[in-house]
Protein backbone atom coordinates (compact mmCIF):
# COMPACT_ATOMS: atom_id res chain seq x y z
CA UNK A 1 0.00 0.00 0.00
CA UNK A 2 1.21 3.49 -0.90
CA UNK A 3 2.19 5.96 1.86
CA UNK A 4 0.57 9.36 1.32
CA UNK A 5 0.90 12.70 3.11
CA UNK A 6 -2.17 14.95 3.14
CA UNK A 7 -2.82 18.69 3.23
CA UNK A 8 -6.11 20.55 3.29
CA UNK A 9 -7.67 23.87 2.47
CA UNK A 10 -11.11 25.09 1.42
CA UNK A 11 -12.67 25.71 -1.97
CA UNK A 12 -13.50 29.38 -2.61
CA UNK A 13 -16.71 28.50 -4.51
CA UNK A 14 -18.56 26.91 -1.58
CA UNK A 15 -16.13 26.87 1.36
CA UNK A 16 -16.10 23.05 1.31
CA UNK A 17 -13.06 20.99 2.27
CA UNK A 18 -10.21 20.47 -0.19
CA UNK A 19 -7.70 17.66 0.41
CA UNK A 20 -4.57 16.85 -1.60
CA UNK A 21 -2.34 13.80 -1.27
CA UNK A 22 1.41 13.99 -1.81
CA UNK A 23 4.00 11.25 -1.94
CA UNK A 24 6.41 11.00 0.99
CA UNK A 25 9.11 12.82 -0.99
CA UNK A 26 6.79 15.84 -1.38
CA UNK A 27 5.75 15.27 -4.99
CA UNK A 28 2.01 15.88 -5.50
CA UNK A 29 0.10 12.64 -6.09
CA UNK A 30 -3.57 13.57 -6.51
CA UNK A 31 -6.38 15.87 -5.53
CA UNK A 32 -8.41 13.72 -3.17
CA UNK A 33 -11.49 15.95 -3.26
CA UNK A 34 -13.34 17.83 -5.98
CA UNK A 35 -15.66 20.83 -5.82
CA UNK A 36 -19.05 20.18 -7.44
CA UNK A 37 -20.70 23.47 -6.48
CA UNK A 38 -21.14 24.43 -10.15
CA UNK A 39 -23.34 21.30 -10.47
CA UNK A 40 -25.43 22.32 -7.47
CA UNK A 41 -23.78 19.76 -5.18
CA UNK A 42 -22.17 20.77 -1.90
CA UNK A 43 -21.09 18.39 0.87
CA UNK A 44 -23.21 18.64 4.05
CA UNK A 45 -20.33 20.01 6.14
CA UNK A 46 -16.53 20.26 6.38
CA UNK A 47 -16.30 16.61 7.44
CA UNK A 48 -17.57 15.36 4.06
CA UNK A 49 -15.91 15.50 0.63
CA UNK A 50 -16.52 14.28 -2.91
CA UNK A 51 -13.83 11.95 -4.25
CA UNK A 52 -13.42 11.37 -8.04
CA UNK A 53 -12.90 7.61 -7.79
CA UNK A 54 -13.01 7.11 -11.56
CA UNK A 55 -9.61 8.87 -11.74
CA UNK A 56 -7.91 6.81 -9.02
CA UNK A 57 -6.16 3.48 -9.04
CA UNK A 58 -7.27 0.77 -6.57
CA UNK A 59 -4.14 1.16 -4.41
CA UNK A 60 -4.79 4.89 -3.91
CA UNK A 61 -8.44 4.25 -3.05
CA UNK A 62 -7.47 1.59 -0.52
CA UNK A 63 -4.94 3.96 1.05
CA UNK A 64 -7.57 6.71 1.31
CA UNK A 65 -10.03 4.28 2.90
CA UNK A 66 -7.45 3.33 5.51
CA UNK A 67 -6.10 6.83 6.14
CA UNK A 68 -8.93 9.38 6.07
CA UNK A 69 -12.29 7.90 5.08
CA UNK A 70 -14.63 6.90 7.89
CA UNK A 71 -17.62 5.99 5.73
CA UNK A 72 -18.75 6.05 2.11
CA UNK A 73 -22.08 7.88 2.22
CA UNK A 74 -22.86 7.62 -1.52
CA UNK A 75 -20.85 5.56 -4.02
CA UNK A 76 -22.67 6.69 -7.16
CA UNK A 77 -22.04 10.45 -7.38
CA UNK A 78 -21.90 11.60 -11.03
CA UNK A 79 -18.67 13.51 -11.67
CA UNK A 80 -18.01 14.54 -15.26
CA UNK A 81 -17.85 11.36 -17.34
CA UNK A 82 -17.26 9.15 -14.30
CA UNK A 83 -18.44 8.30 -10.83
CA UNK A 84 -17.33 9.49 -7.43
CA UNK A 85 -18.04 9.01 -3.76
CA UNK A 86 -19.43 11.31 -1.11
CA UNK A 87 -17.52 10.31 2.02
CA UNK A 88 -17.47 11.20 5.68
CA UNK A 89 -13.93 11.84 6.86
CA UNK A 90 -12.47 10.35 10.03
CA UNK A 91 -12.88 12.48 13.14
CA UNK A 92 -9.14 13.26 13.19
CA UNK A 93 -8.87 14.25 9.51
CA UNK A 94 -7.63 17.75 10.40
CA UNK A 95 -4.63 16.18 12.16
CA UNK A 96 -4.00 13.86 9.21
CA UNK A 97 -4.45 16.64 6.62
CA UNK A 98 -3.29 19.91 8.20
CA UNK A 99 -4.24 23.19 6.55
CA UNK A 100 -1.91 24.58 3.90
């Protein structure tokens, strides 16, 4: 399983949570979350994010599930030409993904 380091911020469009994953050496790996405000979709609170799973390999998804995801709330969120998840983050996500 891949070791990832996380950072967070907020999206300007809707003030929802943004999370990025970097490799241990500091190279960016992927944007964990996406902002869907322009499609009329906003997570219920800062403890939920949309993840574009159609863009991610199984190893990355497994790492995210172990590291920061507490629960998959919806596994059929339409994102562009693919599907994503609405997830609830673990209670300690702000420690795992400190603000930029």
